[in-house]
Amino acid sequence: MSASIPKVEDIAQVKLERRYGLTAPRGVAGRNSDNTLIKSILRWEPSTPLREGMRMTCEWIEDPY
């Protein structure tokens, strides 16, 4: 995967056109999941890598049944 192609475009095999509203309000700069608490309390952590989970989700969305 090229570093310039976002993961979701690569996984879904689509190319999205972007139009940025530079005067629009900006939300948070980014979102991250900190799994420290759930790991310490439940002794559990996700076993599916992000890219694989995204691929499975795309397949699920595309499957009409």
N, C-alpha and C. Protein backbone atom coordinates (compact mmCIF):
# COMPACT_ATOMS: atom_id res chain seq x y z
N MET A 1 0.84 -1.18 0.00
CA MET A 1 0.00 0.00 0.00
C MET A 1 0.88 1.23 0.00
N SER A 2 0.53 2.18 -0.81
CA SER A 2 1.25 3.44 -0.85
C SER A 2 0.94 4.24 0.41
N ALA A 3 1.93 4.93 0.93
CA ALA A 3 1.74 5.73 2.14
C ALA A 3 0.74 6.85 1.91
N SER A 4 0.53 7.24 0.66
CA SER A 4 -0.39 8.35 0.38
C SER A 4 -1.84 7.89 0.25
N ILE A 5 -2.09 6.61 0.21
CA ILE A 5 -3.46 6.10 0.08
C ILE A 5 -3.95 5.69 1.47
N PRO A 6 -5.01 6.34 1.96
CA PRO A 6 -5.55 5.96 3.27
C PRO A 6 -5.98 4.49 3.29
N LYS A 7 -5.93 3.89 4.46
CA LYS A 7 -6.25 2.46 4.62
C LYS A 7 -7.60 2.09 4.04
N VAL A 8 -8.62 2.86 4.36
CA VAL A 8 -9.96 2.47 3.92
C VAL A 8 -10.08 2.46 2.40
N GLU A 9 -9.43 3.39 1.71
CA GLU A 9 -9.45 3.38 0.24
C GLU A 9 -8.74 2.14 -0.29
N ASP A 10 -7.64 1.80 0.31
CA ASP A 10 -6.88 0.64 -0.13
C ASP A 10 -7.67 -0.65 0.10
N ILE A 11 -8.27 -0.78 1.27
CA ILE A 11 -9.02 -1.99 1.61
C ILE A 11 -10.27 -2.13 0.75
N ALA A 12 -11.02 -1.03 0.60
CA ALA A 12 -12.26 -1.06 -0.17
C ALA A 12 -12.03 -0.97 -1.67
N GLN A 13 -10.78 -0.73 -2.06
CA GLN A 13 -10.39 -0.60 -3.47
C GLN A 13 -11.23 0.47 -4.17
N VAL A 14 -11.26 1.65 -3.53
CA VAL A 14 -11.95 2.80 -4.10
C VAL A 14 -11.02 4.00 -4.03
N LYS A 15 -11.31 5.01 -4.83
CA LYS A 15 -10.58 6.27 -4.77
C LYS A 15 -11.60 7.35 -4.49
N LEU A 16 -11.44 8.04 -3.38
CA LEU A 16 -12.38 9.07 -2.99
C LEU A 16 -11.85 10.44 -3.37
N GLU A 17 -12.77 11.30 -3.80
CA GLU A 17 -12.41 12.68 -4.09
C GLU A 17 -12.60 13.48 -2.80
N ARG A 18 -11.63 14.29 -2.46
CA ARG A 18 -11.71 15.08 -1.24
C ARG A 18 -11.89 16.56 -1.59
N ARG A 19 -12.80 17.19 -0.85
CA ARG A 19 -12.97 18.63 -0.93
C ARG A 19 -12.99 19.14 0.50
N TYR A 20 -12.00 19.91 0.84
CA TYR A 20 -11.85 20.38 2.20
C TYR A 20 -12.45 21.77 2.36
N GLY A 21 -13.27 21.95 3.40
CA GLY A 21 -13.81 23.26 3.75
C GLY A 21 -12.88 23.90 4.77
N LEU A 22 -11.94 24.69 4.29
CA LEU A 22 -10.93 25.24 5.17
C LEU A 22 -11.48 26.22 6.19
N THR A 23 -12.69 26.72 5.96
CA THR A 23 -13.29 27.63 6.94
C THR A 23 -14.27 26.91 7.87
N ALA A 24 -14.49 25.64 7.65
CA ALA A 24 -15.41 24.87 8.49
C ALA A 24 -14.77 24.62 9.87
N PRO A 25 -15.61 24.42 10.89
CA PRO A 25 -15.05 24.12 12.21
C PRO A 25 -14.24 22.82 12.17
N ARG A 26 -13.17 22.79 12.93
CA ARG A 26 -12.33 21.59 12.99
C ARG A 26 -12.68 20.81 14.25
N GLY A 27 -12.82 19.54 14.10
CA GLY A 27 -13.03 18.68 15.26
C GLY A 27 -11.69 18.37 15.90
N VAL A 28 -11.65 17.29 16.63
CA VAL A 28 -10.38 16.89 17.23
C VAL A 28 -9.40 16.53 16.13
N ALA A 29 -8.13 16.72 16.40
CA ALA A 29 -7.10 16.45 15.39
C ALA A 29 -7.00 14.96 15.07
N GLY A 30 -7.34 14.11 16.00
CA GLY A 30 -7.29 12.67 15.78
C GLY A 30 -7.95 11.94 16.94
N ARG A 31 -8.25 10.71 16.73
CA ARG A 31 -8.84 9.88 17.79
C ARG A 31 -8.03 8.61 17.90
N ASN A 32 -7.75 8.24 19.11
CA ASN A 32 -7.00 7.01 19.37
C ASN A 32 -7.73 6.19 20.42
N SER A 33 -7.55 4.92 20.38
CA SER A 33 -8.12 4.04 21.39
C SER A 33 -7.02 3.64 22.36
N ASP A 34 -7.22 4.00 23.63
CA ASP A 34 -6.28 3.58 24.67
C ASP A 34 -6.91 2.41 25.39
N ASN A 35 -6.41 1.22 25.14
CA ASN A 35 -6.99 0.00 25.71
C ASN A 35 -6.34 -0.41 27.02
N THR A 36 -5.58 0.49 27.64
CA THR A 36 -4.87 0.17 28.87
C THR A 36 -5.82 -0.29 29.97
N LEU A 37 -6.91 0.44 30.20
CA LEU A 37 -7.83 0.13 31.28
C LEU A 37 -8.50 -1.23 31.08
N ILE A 38 -9.05 -1.46 29.89
CA ILE A 38 -9.72 -2.74 29.65
C ILE A 38 -8.74 -3.91 29.75
N LYS A 39 -7.52 -3.68 29.29
CA LYS A 39 -6.50 -4.73 29.37
C LYS A 39 -6.14 -5.03 30.82
N SER A 40 -6.03 -3.99 31.66
CA SER A 40 -5.64 -4.21 33.05
C SER A 40 -6.78 -4.83 33.87
N ILE A 41 -8.03 -4.46 33.59
CA ILE A 41 -9.15 -4.98 34.37
C ILE A 41 -9.60 -6.36 33.89
N LEU A 42 -9.79 -6.49 32.59
CA LEU A 42 -10.30 -7.75 32.04
C LEU A 42 -9.21 -8.70 31.57
N ARG A 43 -7.99 -8.21 31.54
CA ARG A 43 -6.88 -9.01 31.01
C ARG A 43 -7.21 -9.47 29.58
N TRP A 44 -7.72 -8.51 28.81
CA TRP A 44 -8.13 -8.78 27.44
C TRP A 44 -7.61 -7.67 26.54
N GLU A 45 -7.27 -8.02 25.33
CA GLU A 45 -6.93 -7.03 24.31
C GLU A 45 -7.37 -7.56 22.95
N PRO A 46 -7.67 -6.68 22.01
CA PRO A 46 -8.13 -7.12 20.70
C PRO A 46 -7.11 -8.05 20.03
N SER A 47 -7.62 -9.08 19.40
CA SER A 47 -6.73 -10.03 18.71
C SER A 47 -6.72 -9.81 17.20
N THR A 48 -7.64 -9.00 16.71
CA THR A 48 -7.72 -8.73 15.28
C THR A 48 -7.02 -7.41 14.98
N PRO A 49 -6.02 -7.44 14.11
CA PRO A 49 -5.35 -6.19 13.73
C PRO A 49 -6.34 -5.23 13.05
N LEU A 50 -6.12 -3.93 13.19
CA LEU A 50 -7.00 -2.91 12.64
C LEU A 50 -7.28 -3.14 11.16
N ARG A 51 -6.25 -3.32 10.37
CA ARG A 51 -6.42 -3.48 8.92
C ARG A 51 -7.31 -4.68 8.60
N GLU A 52 -7.12 -5.80 9.30
CA GLU A 52 -7.93 -6.99 9.06
C GLU A 52 -9.38 -6.75 9.47
N GLY A 53 -9.60 -6.08 10.59
CA GLY A 53 -10.96 -5.76 11.03
C GLY A 53 -11.65 -4.84 10.05
N MET A 54 -10.92 -3.87 9.51
CA MET A 54 -11.50 -2.97 8.51
C MET A 54 -11.85 -3.74 7.24
N ARG A 55 -11.00 -4.66 6.83
CA ARG A 55 -11.27 -5.47 5.63
C ARG A 55 -12.54 -6.29 5.84
N MET A 56 -12.66 -6.93 7.00
CA MET A 56 -13.84 -7.75 7.31
C MET A 56 -15.10 -6.89 7.35
N THR A 57 -14.99 -5.68 7.90
CA THR A 57 -16.14 -4.77 7.95
C THR A 57 -16.57 -4.36 6.55
N CYS A 58 -15.62 -4.04 5.67
CA CYS A 58 -15.95 -3.68 4.28
C CYS A 58 -16.67 -4.83 3.59
N GLU A 59 -16.18 -6.05 3.78
CA GLU A 59 -16.83 -7.22 3.16
C GLU A 59 -18.25 -7.38 3.69
N TRP A 60 -18.43 -7.17 4.99
CA TRP A 60 -19.76 -7.29 5.60
C TRP A 60 -20.71 -6.25 5.04
N ILE A 61 -20.24 -5.00 4.87
CA ILE A 61 -21.07 -3.93 4.34
C ILE A 61 -21.48 -4.22 2.89
N GLU A 62 -20.58 -4.78 2.11
CA GLU A 62 -20.85 -5.04 0.70
C GLU A 62 -21.74 -6.27 0.47
N ASP A 63 -21.83 -7.16 1.44
CA ASP A 63 -22.61 -8.39 1.31
C ASP A 63 -24.09 -8.09 1.57
N PRO A 64 -24.95 -8.22 0.55
CA PRO A 64 -26.36 -7.89 0.75
C PRO A 64 -27.11 -8.89 1.64
N TYR A 65 -26.54 -10.06 1.88
CA TYR A 65 -27.21 -11.06 2.70
C TYR A 65 -26.28 -11.57 3.70
